[in-house]
Amino acid sequence: MGSRGKVRSEEVQSNNWRTSRLEELATVIDSRHKTPKYSEDGLPMVRVVDVKAGPIDLSNAVKVTQEVYEDFSKGRDPEIGDLIISRVGSYGNICYVKTNEKFCLGQNTAFIVPKINWRFLYYQLLSPQVRTQIESLVVGAVQKTISLKNIKSLEIATPSKSEQKAIAHILGTLDDKIELNRRMNETLEAMAQALFKSWFVDFDPVKAKMEGRQPEGMDAETAALFPDKLVESELGLIPEGWGVGQIGNEVTVVGGSTPSTKKPGYWDGGTVHWTTPKDLSGSSDKIIIETARKITEEGLQKIHSGLLPVDTVLLSSRAPVGYLALAKVPIAINQGYIGMKCEKALSPEYVLQWCVSVMDKILQRASGTTFAEISKKNFKPIAVVVPFAQLIKIYSKIVSDIYSKIENNLRENSELSNVRDTLLPELISGKLNVSDWQ
């Protein structure tokens, strides 16, 4: 924000604000009310599950053929500044389009095409005033739904165009920085995974030395630590001199539990981080610094694994299997996790990326009739390559620096989100009036 504008507090909304129905401020376009046929390749289709605050993320979107796309797109490609709202189940979620990539909407979603500043309207739809309206308009006991008619009827307060632009800039600058940090973290995580895969899965440095080449991207001292031969093992070919163990023998595997929610003394005023897999859902960052709930010291006594130390590796063992994180705060876990304390040769960074590399094997060992779950008993025998200790140390030093950057970005994003969430209701209601904006 800097010196480009200033904000002054007002007791009431400015006189130049007016209230209009959403259908006066935007064109609302419903999706097709039918189930599409997905395909292996093609164009992305956005479903309710894909609609989350921020720019639309198409990385996990399903694909449809050109024919299906043309049907569901209704002859219109999305444009930058379009908003998307979910209508059924996870109703009322809002995201926006910020790229020119083509996609179509699946059922139970709708486009909101703004006639006013699109980013201002996006923040208005996230405001407490509008969220309250949405909650009052939802129908359905089992599958909660907001109709297209009710979406169009939402009452939206708007100031002048210049004030819309200023408010959108203030909040948008914060969100843009959050998004930049998120993308940086994805790149950093990819770097950590790529290095692990090269050194400890594909054995690229070993293969280079076998061919008489100097391993790429490392100094001579590090290259000297890699052998120049592959030998047979129960896992297939591995570098000569490296071992193979069971993960349960190489780390301390623990589980968790949930203190009785009927005992207020276990929860009220709690300060101890306590996590469920839900804390990791929707995040690509393999770091956890905050939990939705906290327990008391009395509650902690009811968890047999106790308070796990910083850098414990967490693997969600059910609902669903496969979320991963390094704990960057002392933490207690519920029964939906396998915790790995790295107290021997294998470092936390190595174990985390090893879990990524063998996730197919982990999932294959999960079982269950209601939902998939992997038990500690089935997890512990999974085979793990154990490289020379010095190589693990070098890898971990490189990757711990990467995860420090990821952690710093996460902490900054937490602060930025708090600032945004504090400013949003004040700005969007007119209680904070933006003036002198260039």
Protein backbone atom coordinates (compact mmCIF):
# COMPACT_ATOMS: atom_id res chain seq x y z
CA MET A 1 0.00 0.00 0.00
CA GLY A 2 2.83 2.41 0.91
CA SER A 3 2.05 6.10 0.48
CA ARG A 4 -0.29 5.62 -2.50
CA GLY A 5 -3.36 6.03 -0.36
CA LYS A 6 -4.53 6.52 3.18
CA VAL A 7 -7.35 5.00 5.17
CA ARG A 8 -9.40 6.89 7.74
CA SER A 9 -11.93 5.41 10.13
CA GLU A 10 -15.61 6.27 9.77
CA GLU A 11 -18.36 5.48 12.21
CA VAL A 12 -20.88 4.82 9.45
CA GLN A 13 -20.78 3.94 5.79
CA SER A 14 -20.08 6.86 3.44
CA ASN A 15 -23.08 8.49 1.77
CA ASN A 16 -21.88 7.54 -1.71
CA TRP A 17 -22.34 3.83 -1.06
CA ARG A 18 -25.47 2.30 -2.57
CA THR A 19 -26.97 -1.19 -2.28
CA SER A 20 -27.91 -3.21 -5.36
CA ARG A 21 -28.90 -6.78 -6.13
CA LEU A 22 -26.06 -8.90 -7.49
CA GLU A 23 -27.91 -9.37 -10.80
CA GLU A 24 -27.62 -5.59 -11.34
CA LEU A 25 -23.86 -5.68 -10.82
CA ALA A 26 -22.99 -8.91 -12.65
CA THR A 27 -24.27 -11.48 -15.11
CA VAL A 28 -24.81 -14.83 -13.40
CA ILE A 29 -24.41 -17.87 -15.69
CA ASP A 30 -25.47 -21.27 -14.40
CA SER A 31 -23.68 -24.51 -15.26
CA ARG A 32 -25.27 -27.49 -16.98
CA HIS A 33 -27.54 -29.50 -14.69
CA LYS A 34 -26.27 -32.91 -15.74
CA THR A 35 -23.41 -35.27 -15.01
CA PRO A 36 -20.57 -35.01 -17.53
CA LYS A 37 -18.37 -37.78 -18.86
CA TYR A 38 -14.74 -37.33 -17.88
CA SER A 39 -11.75 -38.36 -20.00
CA GLU A 40 -8.06 -39.07 -19.52
CA ASP A 41 -7.04 -36.05 -21.60
CA GLY A 42 -8.72 -32.89 -22.80
CA LEU A 43 -9.77 -29.58 -21.29
CA PRO A 44 -10.23 -28.92 -17.55
CA MET A 45 -13.64 -28.93 -15.90
CA VAL A 46 -14.12 -27.06 -12.63
CA ARG A 47 -16.26 -28.83 -10.03
CA VAL A 48 -17.50 -27.73 -6.60
CA VAL A 49 -14.41 -29.25 -4.98
CA ASP A 50 -12.18 -26.97 -7.06
CA VAL A 51 -13.86 -23.73 -5.94
CA LYS A 52 -11.80 -22.26 -3.10
CA ALA A 53 -10.92 -18.67 -2.20
CA GLY A 54 -8.24 -17.19 -4.43
CA PRO A 55 -7.36 -17.76 -8.09
CA ILE A 56 -8.85 -20.91 -9.62
CA ASP A 57 -6.39 -23.81 -9.45
CA LEU A 58 -6.78 -26.18 -12.39
CA SER A 59 -3.92 -28.52 -11.44
CA ASN A 60 -6.27 -31.16 -10.00
CA ALA A 61 -9.27 -30.48 -12.24
CA VAL A 62 -10.81 -33.39 -14.14
CA LYS A 63 -10.59 -33.44 -17.95
CA VAL A 64 -13.33 -33.58 -20.58
CA THR A 65 -13.29 -34.00 -24.35
CA GLN A 66 -13.69 -31.07 -26.75
CA GLU A 67 -17.25 -32.19 -27.41
CA VAL A 68 -18.18 -32.16 -23.74
CA TYR A 69 -16.36 -28.85 -23.28
CA GLU A 70 -18.38 -27.19 -26.04
CA ASP A 71 -21.61 -28.43 -24.46
CA PHE A 72 -20.80 -27.35 -20.90
CA SER A 73 -19.09 -24.07 -21.83
CA LYS A 74 -22.28 -22.90 -23.54
CA GLY A 75 -20.18 -21.27 -26.23
CA ARG A 76 -18.36 -19.00 -23.77
CA ASP A 77 -14.72 -19.25 -22.66
CA PRO A 78 -13.85 -17.90 -19.19
CA GLU A 79 -12.22 -14.48 -19.00
CA ILE A 80 -9.84 -12.88 -16.50
CA GLY A 81 -11.95 -11.35 -13.75
CA ASP A 82 -14.75 -13.91 -13.92
CA LEU A 83 -15.84 -15.16 -10.50
CA ILE A 84 -17.03 -18.71 -9.78
CA ILE A 85 -19.42 -19.70 -6.99
CA SER A 86 -20.24 -23.20 -5.73
CA ARG A 87 -23.93 -23.88 -5.14
CA VAL A 88 -24.34 -27.35 -3.60
CA GLY A 89 -22.62 -29.13 -0.71
CA SER A 90 -19.67 -26.83 -0.10
CA TYR A 91 -21.94 -23.96 -1.10
CA GLY A 92 -21.02 -20.30 -1.41
CA ASN A 93 -17.29 -20.72 -2.01
CA ILE A 94 -15.86 -18.08 -4.34
CA CYS A 95 -12.79 -18.03 -6.58
CA TYR A 96 -11.67 -15.90 -9.51
CA VAL A 97 -10.11 -16.38 -12.94
CA LYS A 98 -6.65 -14.89 -13.41
CA THR A 99 -5.36 -16.70 -16.51
CA ASN A 100 -6.50 -17.18 -20.09
CA GLU A 101 -6.50 -20.97 -19.77
CA LYS A 102 -9.66 -22.57 -21.11
CA PHE A 103 -11.95 -24.57 -18.81
CA CYS A 104 -15.66 -25.20 -18.38
CA LEU A 105 -17.87 -25.48 -15.32
CA GLY A 106 -19.23 -28.74 -14.01
CA GLN A 107 -22.67 -28.96 -12.43
CA ASN A 108 -23.56 -27.10 -9.21
CA THR A 109 -21.30 -24.15 -9.96
CA ALA A 110 -21.94 -20.81 -11.69
CA PHE A 111 -20.03 -17.95 -13.28
CA ILE A 112 -20.47 -14.44 -11.91
CA VAL A 113 -19.33 -12.00 -14.62
CA PRO A 114 -18.87 -8.58 -12.94
CA LYS A 115 -20.02 -5.30 -14.47
CA ILE A 116 -18.11 -3.45 -11.71
CA ASN A 117 -14.54 -3.86 -10.44
CA TRP A 118 -14.23 -7.64 -10.36
CA ARG A 119 -11.87 -7.79 -7.44
CA PHE A 120 -14.01 -5.48 -5.32
CA LEU A 121 -17.02 -7.71 -6.02
CA TYR A 122 -14.96 -10.79 -5.14
CA TYR A 123 -14.15 -9.33 -1.72
CA GLN A 124 -17.75 -8.24 -1.20
CA LEU A 125 -18.88 -11.83 -1.77
CA LEU A 126 -16.40 -12.92 0.91
CA SER A 127 -17.54 -10.26 3.39
CA PRO A 128 -19.42 -11.15 6.60
CA GLN A 129 -22.41 -9.13 5.39
CA VAL A 130 -22.83 -11.24 2.24
CA ARG A 131 -21.88 -14.52 3.94
CA THR A 132 -24.74 -13.93 6.40
CA GLN A 133 -27.13 -13.48 3.48
CA ILE A 134 -25.92 -16.68 1.83
CA GLU A 135 -26.44 -18.68 5.04
CA SER A 136 -30.01 -17.36 5.30
CA LEU A 137 -30.80 -18.40 1.71
CA VAL A 138 -29.46 -21.96 1.79
CA VAL A 139 -32.02 -24.77 1.67
CA GLY A 140 -31.80 -28.56 2.12
CA ALA A 141 -31.35 -30.73 5.19
CA VAL A 142 -28.84 -33.20 3.75
CA GLN A 143 -27.36 -31.54 0.65
CA LYS A 144 -27.39 -27.81 1.34
CA THR A 145 -27.97 -25.69 -1.77
CA ILE A 146 -28.20 -22.06 -2.77
CA SER A 147 -30.27 -21.48 -5.88
CA LEU A 148 -29.30 -19.32 -8.83
CA LYS A 149 -32.28 -17.08 -8.07
CA ASN A 150 -31.05 -16.48 -4.53
CA ILE A 151 -27.50 -15.82 -5.72
CA LYS A 152 -28.84 -13.13 -8.03
CA SER A 153 -30.81 -11.60 -5.15
CA LEU A 154 -27.77 -11.04 -2.90
CA GLU A 155 -27.60 -7.41 -1.80
CA ILE A 156 -24.21 -5.82 -2.47
CA ALA A 157 -23.07 -2.42 -1.24
CA THR A 158 -20.87 -0.47 -3.64
CA PRO A 159 -19.06 2.89 -3.43
CA SER A 160 -17.70 4.96 -6.32
CA LYS A 161 -15.53 3.36 -9.00
CA SER A 162 -12.40 4.98 -7.55
CA GLU A 163 -13.16 3.63 -4.08
CA GLN A 164 -13.88 0.17 -5.49
CA LYS A 165 -10.50 0.25 -7.21
CA ALA A 166 -8.71 1.43 -4.07
CA ILE A 167 -10.28 -1.20 -1.82
CA ALA A 168 -9.56 -3.91 -4.40
CA HIS A 169 -5.94 -2.74 -4.58
CA ILE A 170 -5.40 -2.81 -0.81
CA LEU A 171 -6.84 -6.30 -0.33
CA GLY A 172 -5.56 -7.56 -3.68
CA THR A 173 -1.97 -6.55 -2.90
CA LEU A 174 -2.09 -8.71 0.22
CA ASP A 175 -3.62 -11.65 -1.65
CA ASP A 176 -1.13 -11.32 -4.52
CA LYS A 177 1.77 -11.58 -2.08
CA ILE A 178 0.16 -14.61 -0.44
CA GLU A 179 -0.25 -16.23 -3.85
CA LEU A 180 3.35 -15.41 -4.81
CA ASN A 181 4.61 -17.05 -1.61
CA ARG A 182 2.43 -20.08 -2.30
CA ARG A 183 3.89 -20.49 -5.79
CA MET A 184 7.41 -20.02 -4.42
CA ASN A 185 6.75 -22.80 -1.92
CA GLU A 186 5.56 -25.13 -4.69
CA THR A 187 8.81 -24.47 -6.56
CA LEU A 188 10.91 -25.04 -3.42
CA GLU A 189 9.07 -28.29 -2.66
CA ALA A 190 9.66 -29.48 -6.24
CA MET A 191 13.39 -28.76 -5.79
CA ALA A 192 13.53 -30.90 -2.63
CA GLN A 193 11.70 -33.75 -4.36
CA ALA A 194 13.84 -33.57 -7.50
CA LEU A 195 17.09 -33.73 -5.53
CA PHE A 196 15.89 -36.73 -3.51
CA LYS A 197 14.77 -38.54 -6.65
CA SER A 198 18.08 -37.89 -8.40
CA TRP A 199 20.29 -38.98 -5.51
CA PHE A 200 18.29 -41.70 -3.78
CA VAL A 201 15.82 -43.11 -6.33
CA ASP A 202 17.39 -42.79 -9.77
CA PHE A 203 20.98 -42.83 -8.39
CA ASP A 204 22.09 -40.32 -11.04
CA PRO A 205 25.47 -39.52 -9.40
CA VAL A 206 26.33 -43.24 -9.23
CA LYS A 207 25.35 -43.82 -12.85
CA ALA A 208 27.43 -40.82 -13.92
CA LYS A 209 30.51 -42.22 -12.18
CA MET A 210 29.86 -45.65 -13.71
CA GLU A 211 30.04 -43.95 -17.12
CA GLY A 212 33.19 -42.06 -16.21
CA ARG A 213 31.43 -38.71 -15.90
CA GLN A 214 31.54 -36.17 -13.11
CA PRO A 215 28.12 -36.03 -11.35
CA GLU A 216 26.34 -32.81 -12.25
CA GLY A 217 25.46 -30.08 -9.78
CA MET A 218 27.78 -31.03 -6.94
CA ASP A 219 31.33 -30.42 -5.78
CA ALA A 220 34.06 -33.04 -5.99
CA GLU A 221 33.92 -33.73 -2.24
CA THR A 222 30.23 -34.63 -2.38
CA ALA A 223 30.66 -36.61 -5.61
CA ALA A 224 33.39 -38.69 -3.93
CA LEU A 225 30.84 -39.94 -1.38
CA PHE A 226 28.82 -41.71 -4.06
CA PRO A 227 30.03 -45.19 -5.08
CA ASP A 228 30.62 -46.07 -8.73
CA LYS A 229 28.74 -49.37 -8.74
CA LEU A 230 25.18 -50.68 -8.35
CA VAL A 231 24.52 -54.01 -6.64
CA GLU A 232 21.49 -56.25 -6.27
CA SER A 233 19.26 -55.95 -3.19
CA GLU A 234 15.70 -56.82 -2.18
CA LEU A 235 14.71 -53.46 -3.70
CA GLY A 236 16.57 -54.12 -6.94
CA LEU A 237 19.80 -52.35 -7.86
CA ILE A 238 21.11 -49.90 -5.24
CA PRO A 239 24.51 -48.19 -4.79
CA GLU A 240 27.25 -50.43 -3.45
CA GLY A 241 27.66 -50.13 0.32
CA TRP A 242 24.20 -48.72 0.96
CA GLY A 243 21.83 -50.69 3.15
CA VAL A 244 18.18 -51.69 3.08
CA GLY A 245 16.09 -51.58 6.24
CA GLN A 246 12.48 -51.50 7.35
CA ILE A 247 11.15 -48.02 8.05
CA GLY A 248 9.87 -49.19 11.44
CA ASN A 249 13.45 -50.03 12.45
CA GLU A 250 14.93 -46.81 11.09
CA VAL A 251 12.54 -44.34 12.75
CA THR A 252 10.30 -44.41 15.82
CA VAL A 253 6.72 -44.90 14.59
CA VAL A 254 3.93 -43.59 16.84
CA GLY A 255 0.19 -43.04 16.67
CA GLY A 256 -2.14 -40.59 18.37
CA SER A 257 -5.61 -40.20 19.82
CA THR A 258 -8.35 -37.69 20.65
CA PRO A 259 -8.92 -36.64 24.26
CA SER A 260 -12.59 -36.88 25.22
CA THR A 261 -14.46 -33.89 23.84
CA LYS A 262 -16.88 -34.27 26.75
CA LYS A 263 -14.18 -33.15 29.17
CA PRO A 264 -13.81 -29.34 28.96
CA GLY A 265 -10.62 -29.60 31.01
CA TYR A 266 -8.92 -31.27 28.04
CA TRP A 267 -9.78 -28.45 25.63
CA ASP A 268 -10.83 -25.14 27.16
CA GLY A 269 -8.02 -22.63 27.04
CA GLY A 270 -5.66 -25.20 25.50
CA THR A 271 -2.28 -24.05 24.22
CA VAL A 272 -0.84 -27.36 22.99
CA HIS A 273 -0.98 -27.87 19.21
CA TRP A 274 -3.14 -30.91 18.37
CA THR A 275 -3.61 -31.90 14.77
CA THR A 276 -5.98 -33.94 12.63
CA PRO A 277 -5.41 -34.67 8.91
CA LYS A 278 -7.91 -31.91 8.15
CA ASP A 279 -5.16 -29.41 9.07
CA LEU A 280 -3.21 -30.58 6.01
CA SER A 281 -6.09 -30.73 3.52
CA GLY A 282 -5.94 -28.32 0.62
CA SER A 283 -2.29 -27.42 1.24
CA SER A 284 0.67 -28.35 -0.94
CA ASP A 285 3.11 -27.14 1.72
CA LYS A 286 4.66 -30.06 3.57
CA ILE A 287 5.08 -27.97 6.69
CA ILE A 288 2.69 -27.53 9.62
CA ILE A 289 3.04 -24.50 11.89
CA GLU A 290 -0.53 -24.13 13.15
CA THR A 291 -3.47 -26.35 14.07
CA ALA A 292 -7.20 -25.66 14.07
CA ARG A 293 -7.55 -26.93 17.64
CA LYS A 294 -5.41 -26.96 20.76
CA ILE A 295 -5.56 -29.06 23.90
CA THR A 296 -4.56 -28.47 27.51
CA GLU A 297 -1.71 -30.12 29.37
CA GLU A 298 -4.36 -32.31 31.01
CA GLY A 299 -5.63 -33.35 27.59
CA LEU A 300 -2.09 -34.08 26.44
CA GLN A 301 -1.76 -36.69 29.19
CA LYS A 302 -4.50 -38.70 27.44
CA ILE A 303 -2.42 -39.11 24.27
CA HIS A 304 0.00 -42.00 24.65
CA SER A 305 2.50 -40.60 22.13
CA GLY A 306 2.61 -37.34 24.05
CA LEU A 307 4.02 -34.13 22.61
CA LEU A 308 6.04 -34.90 19.48
CA PRO A 309 9.18 -32.83 18.84
CA VAL A 310 9.81 -30.34 16.07
CA ASP A 311 10.71 -32.09 12.78
CA THR A 312 8.54 -35.13 13.45
CA VAL A 313 7.32 -36.43 10.09
CA LEU A 314 3.53 -36.75 9.92
CA LEU A 315 1.69 -39.08 7.52
CA SER A 316 -2.10 -39.12 7.49
CA SER A 317 -3.08 -42.76 7.85
CA ARG A 318 -6.77 -42.41 7.02
CA ALA A 319 -9.43 -40.02 5.70
CA PRO A 320 -7.43 -39.84 3.45
CA VAL A 321 -4.13 -41.69 3.45
CA GLY A 322 -1.17 -39.72 2.18
CA TYR A 323 -1.04 -36.16 3.54
CA LEU A 324 2.52 -35.39 4.61
CA ALA A 325 4.11 -32.69 6.73
CA LEU A 326 7.11 -31.79 8.86
CA ALA A 327 5.99 -30.46 12.23
CA LYS A 328 7.69 -27.13 12.86
CA VAL A 329 6.09 -26.77 16.28
CA PRO A 330 5.89 -29.33 19.12
CA ILE A 331 2.67 -31.16 18.33
CA ALA A 332 0.25 -33.87 19.47
CA ILE A 333 -1.56 -36.00 16.90
CA ASN A 334 -4.93 -37.72 16.65
CA GLN A 335 -5.60 -41.30 15.56
CA GLY A 336 -5.56 -40.29 11.88
CA TYR A 337 -1.77 -40.05 11.75
CA ILE A 338 1.38 -42.09 11.74
CA GLY A 339 4.12 -40.01 13.34
CA MET A 340 7.80 -40.68 12.63
CA LYS A 341 10.45 -39.45 15.05
CA CYS A 342 13.77 -39.44 13.23
CA GLU A 343 16.19 -40.31 16.00
CA LYS A 344 18.62 -42.53 14.06
CA ALA A 345 20.50 -42.25 10.75
CA LEU A 346 17.61 -41.12 8.57
CA SER A 347 16.87 -37.40 8.84
CA PRO A 348 13.39 -35.84 8.86
CA GLU A 349 13.96 -34.33 5.41
CA TYR A 350 15.07 -37.71 4.02
CA VAL A 351 12.11 -39.55 5.58
CA LEU A 352 9.60 -36.99 4.33
CA GLN A 353 10.81 -37.27 0.74
CA TRP A 354 11.13 -41.04 1.04
CA CYS A 355 7.41 -41.12 1.91
CA VAL A 356 6.70 -39.10 -1.24
CA SER A 357 8.76 -41.53 -3.34
CA VAL A 358 7.01 -44.68 -2.00
CA MET A 359 3.47 -43.29 -1.69
CA ASP A 360 2.15 -45.94 -4.11
CA LYS A 361 3.44 -48.67 -1.77
CA ILE A 362 1.94 -46.92 1.24
CA LEU A 363 -1.45 -46.69 -0.46
CA GLN A 364 -1.28 -50.34 -1.52
CA ARG A 365 -0.92 -51.36 2.13
CA ALA A 366 -4.02 -49.40 3.17
CA SER A 367 -7.22 -51.35 3.69
CA GLY A 368 -10.70 -50.88 5.09
CA THR A 369 -14.35 -51.31 4.17
CA THR A 370 -15.62 -47.82 5.11
CA PHE A 371 -12.48 -45.84 4.28
CA ALA A 372 -8.89 -46.75 3.49
CA GLU A 373 -6.46 -46.80 6.42
CA ILE A 374 -2.89 -47.93 6.86
CA SER A 375 -2.01 -49.28 10.27
CA LYS A 376 1.37 -48.91 11.97
CA LYS A 377 1.70 -52.69 11.67
CA ASN A 378 1.40 -52.54 7.88
CA PHE A 379 3.52 -49.41 7.58
CA LYS A 380 6.56 -50.47 9.59
CA PRO A 381 7.78 -53.30 7.27
CA ILE A 382 8.07 -51.07 4.18
CA ALA A 383 11.62 -51.29 2.88
CA VAL A 384 13.78 -48.17 2.78
CA VAL A 385 17.22 -47.58 1.25
CA VAL A 386 19.73 -46.39 3.85
CA PRO A 387 22.55 -44.39 2.18
CA PHE A 388 25.88 -43.45 3.75
CA ALA A 389 25.31 -41.22 6.79
CA GLN A 390 27.42 -38.40 5.38
CA LEU A 391 25.31 -38.25 2.21
CA ILE A 392 22.13 -38.04 4.29
CA LYS A 393 23.65 -35.15 6.23
CA ILE A 394 24.59 -33.26 3.07
CA TYR A 395 21.17 -33.79 1.51
CA SER A 396 19.43 -32.77 4.72
CA LYS A 397 21.49 -29.60 5.04
CA ILE A 398 20.46 -28.54 1.52
CA VAL A 399 16.80 -29.45 2.00
CA SER A 400 16.48 -28.07 5.54
CA ASP A 401 17.46 -24.69 4.10
CA ILE A 402 14.69 -25.14 1.50
CA TYR A 403 12.15 -25.98 4.18
CA SER A 404 13.25 -23.00 6.27
CA LYS A 405 12.32 -20.78 3.33
CA ILE A 406 8.99 -22.57 2.96
CA GLU A 407 8.32 -22.13 6.68
CA ASN A 408 9.17 -18.42 6.54
CA ASN A 409 6.80 -17.96 3.60
CA LEU A 410 4.05 -19.79 5.48
CA ARG A 411 4.50 -17.62 8.55
CA GLU A 412 4.46 -14.48 6.42
CA ASN A 413 1.29 -15.70 4.70
CA SER A 414 -0.33 -16.26 8.08
CA GLU A 415 0.42 -12.66 9.06
CA LEU A 416 -0.76 -11.30 5.71
CA SER A 417 -3.98 -13.32 5.94
CA ASN A 418 -4.66 -11.92 9.41
CA VAL A 419 -4.18 -8.36 8.14
CA ARG A 420 -6.43 -9.01 5.14
CA ASP A 421 -9.13 -10.66 7.23
CA THR A 422 -9.07 -7.73 9.66
CA LEU A 423 -9.24 -5.10 6.94
CA LEU A 424 -11.77 -6.81 4.66
CA PRO A 425 -14.98 -6.35 6.71
CA GLU A 426 -14.02 -2.80 7.65
CA LEU A 427 -13.18 -1.72 4.11
CA ILE A 428 -15.98 -3.55 2.39
CA SER A 429 -18.62 -2.09 4.73
CA GLY A 430 -17.37 1.48 4.36
CA LYS A 431 -16.38 1.78 8.02
CA LEU A 432 -12.86 2.38 6.76
CA ASN A 433 -13.12 4.91 3.96
CA VAL A 434 -10.35 5.05 1.39
CA SER A 435 -9.46 8.57 0.32
CA ASP A 436 -6.80 10.41 -1.69
CA TRP A 437 -6.16 7.29 -3.77
CA GLN A 438 -4.06 7.75 -6.89
